[in-house]
């Protein structure tokens, strides 16, 4: 009988120790699961932050580009008007036959001149000096072709 009691006590002790080991193993598994879930949620939040930041940066760059293009367009419009005005003054004071000074029987005014197509060859010599005077960076006496002049005319 004594042996039997000892044996039961040893079995209870082993059972209790195994239970403690199982609980410890379960607690470490739960802690590991929490760490894995926390790192996954953190990674998901980081990815959503990166995507949101990229979208915001893209929107900002589009708006800034639009603003710059608008300012450049306004500046080019002002510069084009000054070039056309300068060309009109050159044309008005140049020695030009009367047939060129009239369009469809009407005398060419400055407002009509602004929208009148030009014969590019007539203004190449004057335009290269005029563009240099206006600060557009063309060298004096440089030759201009049709595509360069058509940008300004």
C-alpha atoms as a PDB file:
ATOM      1  CA  UNK A   1       0.000   0.000   0.000  1.00  0.00           C
ATOM      2  CA  UNK A   2       2.790   2.358   0.733  1.00  0.00           C
ATOM      3  CA  UNK A   3       4.270   1.795  -2.669  1.00  0.00           C
ATOM      4  CA  UNK A   4       0.976   2.440  -4.212  1.00  0.00           C
ATOM      5  CA  UNK A   5       0.672   5.815  -2.456  1.00  0.00           C
ATOM      6  CA  UNK A   6       4.182   6.752  -3.417  1.00  0.00           C
ATOM      7  CA  UNK A   7       3.518   5.854  -6.983  1.00  0.00           C
ATOM      8  CA  UNK A   8       0.332   7.965  -7.060  1.00  0.00           C
ATOM      9  CA  UNK A   9       2.197  10.898  -5.467  1.00  0.00           C
ATOM     10  CA  UNK A  10       4.973  10.644  -8.056  1.00  0.00           C
ATOM     11  CA  UNK A  11       2.411  10.469 -10.861  1.00  0.00           C
ATOM     12  CA  UNK A  12       0.576  13.539  -9.441  1.00  0.00           C
ATOM     13  CA  UNK A  13       3.867  15.400  -9.150  1.00  0.00           C
ATOM     14  CA  UNK A  14       4.821  14.517 -12.744  1.00  0.00           C
ATOM     15  CA  UNK A  15       1.342  15.475 -13.921  1.00  0.00           C
ATOM     16  CA  UNK A  16       1.572  18.852 -12.149  1.00  0.00           C
ATOM     17  CA  UNK A  17       5.048  19.504 -13.569  1.00  0.00           C
ATOM     18  CA  UNK A  18       3.870  18.607 -17.083  1.00  0.00           C
ATOM     19  CA  UNK A  19       0.904  20.945 -16.598  1.00  0.00           C
ATOM     20  CA  UNK A  20       3.258  23.769 -15.581  1.00  0.00           C
ATOM     21  CA  UNK A  21       5.445  23.063 -18.640  1.00  0.00           C
ATOM     22  CA  UNK A  22       2.351  23.015 -20.908  1.00  0.00           C
ATOM     23  CA  UNK A  23       1.096  26.308 -19.450  1.00  0.00           C
ATOM     24  CA  UNK A  24       4.539  27.885 -19.909  1.00  0.00           C
ATOM     25  CA  UNK A  25       4.668  26.610 -23.502  1.00  0.00           C
ATOM     26  CA  UNK A  26       1.126  27.941 -24.133  1.00  0.00           C
ATOM     27  CA  UNK A  27       2.045  31.341 -22.657  1.00  0.00           C
ATOM     28  CA  UNK A  28       5.156  31.601 -24.872  1.00  0.00           C
ATOM     29  CA  UNK A  29       3.065  30.584 -27.916  1.00  0.00           C
ATOM     30  CA  UNK A  30       0.477  33.263 -27.063  1.00  0.00           C
ATOM     31  CA  UNK A  31       3.200  35.893 -26.598  1.00  0.00           C
ATOM     32  CA  UNK A  32       4.745  34.868 -29.913  1.00  0.00           C
ATOM     33  CA  UNK A  33       1.349  35.099 -31.645  1.00  0.00           C
ATOM     34  CA  UNK A  34       0.809  38.579 -30.190  1.00  0.00           C
ATOM     35  CA  UNK A  35       4.255  39.694 -31.393  1.00  0.00           C
ATOM     36  CA  UNK A  36       3.579  38.308 -34.887  1.00  0.00           C
ATOM     37  CA  UNK A  37       0.154  39.993 -35.037  1.00  0.00           C
ATOM     38  CA  UNK A  38       1.614  43.269 -33.773  1.00  0.00           C
ATOM     39  CA  UNK A  39       4.390  43.254 -36.366  1.00  0.00           C
ATOM     40  CA  UNK A  40       1.906  42.364 -39.155  1.00  0.00           C
ATOM     41  CA  UNK A  41      -0.451  45.189 -38.150  1.00  0.00           C
ATOM     42  CA  UNK A  42       2.498  47.588 -37.933  1.00  0.00           C
ATOM     43  CA  UNK A  43       3.647  46.556 -41.413  1.00  0.00           C
ATOM     44  CA  UNK A  44       0.108  47.016 -42.790  1.00  0.00           C
ATOM     45  CA  UNK A  45      -0.118  50.510 -41.260  1.00  0.00           C
ATOM     46  CA  UNK A  46       3.313  51.388 -42.658  1.00  0.00           C
ATOM     47  CA  UNK A  47       2.278  50.273 -46.152  1.00  0.00           C
ATOM     48  CA  UNK A  48      -0.923  52.321 -45.996  1.00  0.00           C
ATOM     49  CA  UNK A  49       1.116  55.318 -44.773  1.00  0.00           C
ATOM     50  CA  UNK A  50       3.593  54.932 -47.651  1.00  0.00           C
ATOM     51  CA  UNK A  51       0.775  54.669 -50.211  1.00  0.00           C
ATOM     52  CA  UNK A  52      -0.961  57.721 -48.744  1.00  0.00           C
ATOM     53  CA  UNK A  53       2.295  59.693 -48.751  1.00  0.00           C
ATOM     54  CA  UNK A  54       2.976  58.756 -52.385  1.00  0.00           C
ATOM     55  CA  UNK A  55      -0.542  59.848 -53.367  1.00  0.00           C
ATOM     56  CA  UNK A  56      -0.151  63.163 -51.543  1.00  0.00           C
ATOM     57  CA  UNK A  57       3.262  63.796 -53.108  1.00  0.00           C
ATOM     58  CA  UNK A  58       1.855  62.996 -56.556  1.00  0.00           C
ATOM     59  CA  UNK A  59      -1.056  65.409 -56.023  1.00  0.00           C
ATOM     60  CA  UNK A  60       1.299  68.124 -54.786  1.00  0.00           C
ATOM     61  CA  UNK A  61       3.609  67.674 -57.759  1.00  0.00           C
ATOM     62  CA  UNK A  62       0.669  67.842 -60.189  1.00  0.00           C
ATOM     63  CA  UNK A  63      -0.622  71.052 -58.610  1.00  0.00           C
ATOM     64  CA  UNK A  64       2.845  72.621 -58.475  1.00  0.00           C
ATOM     65  CA  UNK A  65       3.499  71.656 -62.099  1.00  0.00           C
ATOM     66  CA  UNK A  66       0.161  73.150 -63.139  1.00  0.00           C
ATOM     67  CA  UNK A  67       0.963  76.386 -61.302  1.00  0.00           C
ATOM     68  CA  UNK A  68       4.401  76.636 -62.912  1.00  0.00           C
ATOM     69  CA  UNK A  69       3.014  75.884 -66.377  1.00  0.00           C
ATOM     70  CA  UNK A  70       0.364  78.563 -65.882  1.00  0.00           C
ATOM     71  CA  UNK A  71       2.975  81.133 -64.818  1.00  0.00           C
ATOM     72  CA  UNK A  72       5.249  80.216 -67.723  1.00  0.00           C
ATOM     73  CA  UNK A  73       2.325  80.459 -70.149  1.00  0.00           C
ATOM     74  CA  UNK A  74       1.411  83.905 -68.822  1.00  0.00           C
ATOM     75  CA  UNK A  75       5.039  85.023 -69.058  1.00  0.00           C
ATOM     76  CA  UNK A  76       5.345  83.697 -72.601  1.00  0.00           C
ATOM     77  CA  UNK A  77       2.085  85.392 -73.556  1.00  0.00           C
ATOM     78  CA  UNK A  78       3.389  88.731 -72.280  1.00  0.00           C
ATOM     79  CA  UNK A  79       6.716  88.179 -74.031  1.00  0.00           C
ATOM     80  CA  UNK A  80       4.943  87.207 -77.282  1.00  0.00           C
ATOM     81  CA  UNK A  81       2.831  90.355 -77.142  1.00  0.00           C
ATOM     82  CA  UNK A  82       5.941  92.490 -76.657  1.00  0.00           C
ATOM     83  CA  UNK A  83       7.640  90.720 -79.589  1.00  0.00           C
ATOM     84  CA  UNK A  84       4.595  91.265 -81.799  1.00  0.00           C
ATOM     85  CA  UNK A  85       4.453  94.909 -80.748  1.00  0.00           C
ATOM     86  CA  UNK A  86       8.152  95.282 -81.524  1.00  0.00           C
ATOM     87  CA  UNK A  87       7.667  93.588 -84.897  1.00  0.00           C
ATOM     88  CA  UNK A  88       4.728  95.884 -85.649  1.00  0.00           C
ATOM     89  CA  UNK A  89       6.867  98.918 -84.883  1.00  0.00           C
ATOM     90  CA  UNK A  90       9.647  97.564 -87.106  1.00  0.00           C
ATOM     91  CA  UNK A  91       7.153  96.824 -89.870  1.00  0.00           C
ATOM     92  CA  UNK A  92       5.433 100.213 -89.481  1.00  0.00           C
ATOM     93  CA  UNK A  93       8.686 102.148 -89.810  1.00  0.00           C
ATOM     94  CA  UNK A  94      10.253  99.927 -92.466  1.00  0.00           C
ATOM     95  CA  UNK A  95      10.323 100.800 -96.146  1.00  0.00           C
ATOM     96  CA  UNK A  96       7.534  98.512 -97.290  1.00  0.00           C
ATOM     97  CA  UNK A  97       5.396  98.911-100.399  1.00  0.00           C
ATOM     98  CA  UNK A  98       1.821 100.035 -99.736  1.00  0.00           C
ATOM     99  CA  UNK A  99       0.407  96.738-100.945  1.00  0.00           C
ATOM    100  CA  UNK A 100       1.967  95.055 -97.900  1.00  0.00           C
ATOM    101  CA  UNK A 101       0.625  97.692 -95.524  1.00  0.00           C
ATOM    102  CA  UNK A 102      -2.993  96.869 -96.368  1.00  0.00           C
ATOM    103  CA  UNK A 103      -4.808  93.611 -95.750  1.00  0.00           C
ATOM    104  CA  UNK A 104      -8.004  93.052 -97.738  1.00  0.00           C
ATOM    105  CA  UNK A 105      -8.273  96.765 -98.500  1.00  0.00           C
ATOM    106  CA  UNK A 106      -8.072  97.826 -94.854  1.00  0.00           C
ATOM    107  CA  UNK A 107      -5.101  99.534 -93.308  1.00  0.00           C
ATOM    108  CA  UNK A 108      -3.360  97.186 -90.922  1.00  0.00           C
ATOM    109  CA  UNK A 109      -3.645  98.405 -87.314  1.00  0.00           C
ATOM    110  CA  UNK A 110      -1.671  97.098 -84.374  1.00  0.00           C
ATOM    111  CA  UNK A 111      -4.557  94.982 -83.059  1.00  0.00           C
ATOM    112  CA  UNK A 112      -5.112  93.422 -86.461  1.00  0.00           C
ATOM    113  CA  UNK A 113      -1.367  93.023 -86.865  1.00  0.00           C
ATOM    114  CA  UNK A 114      -1.232  90.905 -83.714  1.00  0.00           C
ATOM    115  CA  UNK A 115      -3.311  88.211 -85.397  1.00  0.00           C
ATOM    116  CA  UNK A 116      -2.069  88.612 -88.957  1.00  0.00           C
ATOM    117  CA  UNK A 117       0.107  85.791 -90.358  1.00  0.00           C
ATOM    118  CA  UNK A 118       3.561  86.917 -91.476  1.00  0.00           C
ATOM    119  CA  UNK A 119       5.798  86.026 -94.328  1.00  0.00           C
ATOM    120  CA  UNK A 120       8.679  84.705 -92.294  1.00  0.00           C
ATOM    121  CA  UNK A 121      11.392  85.405 -94.856  1.00  0.00           C
ATOM    122  CA  UNK A 122      10.662  89.153 -94.733  1.00  0.00           C
ATOM    123  CA  UNK A 123      11.341  89.417 -91.036  1.00  0.00           C
ATOM    124  CA  UNK A 124      14.325  87.098 -90.522  1.00  0.00           C
ATOM    125  CA  UNK A 125      16.900  89.877 -90.619  1.00  0.00           C
ATOM    126  CA  UNK A 126      14.943  92.188 -88.322  1.00  0.00           C
ATOM    127  CA  UNK A 127      13.816  89.450 -85.976  1.00  0.00           C
ATOM    128  CA  UNK A 128      17.266  88.152 -85.095  1.00  0.00           C
ATOM    129  CA  UNK A 129      18.284  91.601 -83.846  1.00  0.00           C
ATOM    130  CA  UNK A 130      14.922  92.227 -82.195  1.00  0.00           C
ATOM    131  CA  UNK A 131      14.962  88.978 -80.255  1.00  0.00           C
ATOM    132  CA  UNK A 132      18.449  89.751 -78.999  1.00  0.00           C
ATOM    133  CA  UNK A 133      17.282  93.174 -77.852  1.00  0.00           C
ATOM    134  CA  UNK A 134      14.383  91.544 -76.001  1.00  0.00           C
ATOM    135  CA  UNK A 135      16.769  89.217 -74.169  1.00  0.00           C
ATOM    136  CA  UNK A 136      15.725  85.922 -75.680  1.00  0.00           C
ATOM    137  CA  UNK A 137      19.313  84.690 -75.955  1.00  0.00           C
ATOM    138  CA  UNK A 138      19.823  84.587 -79.732  1.00  0.00           C
ATOM    139  CA  UNK A 139      23.200  85.790 -80.948  1.00  0.00           C
ATOM    140  CA  UNK A 140      23.364  88.884 -83.102  1.00  0.00           C
ATOM    141  CA  UNK A 141      23.394  88.007 -86.748  1.00  0.00           C
ATOM    142  CA  UNK A 142      22.386  84.412 -86.123  1.00  0.00           C
ATOM    143  CA  UNK A 143      20.229  82.892 -88.779  1.00  0.00           C
ATOM    144  CA  UNK A 144      16.742  81.824 -87.887  1.00  0.00           C
ATOM    145  CA  UNK A 145      14.780  79.132 -89.628  1.00  0.00           C
ATOM    146  CA  UNK A 146      11.025  78.914 -90.032  1.00  0.00           C
ATOM    147  CA  UNK A 147      10.389  76.783 -86.932  1.00  0.00           C
ATOM    148  CA  UNK A 148      12.277  79.166 -84.633  1.00  0.00           C
ATOM    149  CA  UNK A 149      10.423  82.176 -85.937  1.00  0.00           C
ATOM    150  CA  UNK A 150       7.040  80.486 -85.938  1.00  0.00           C
ATOM    151  CA  UNK A 151       7.364  80.085 -82.172  1.00  0.00           C
ATOM    152  CA  UNK A 152       7.326  83.839 -81.769  1.00  0.00           C
ATOM    153  CA  UNK A 153       5.092  84.891 -84.620  1.00  0.00           C
END
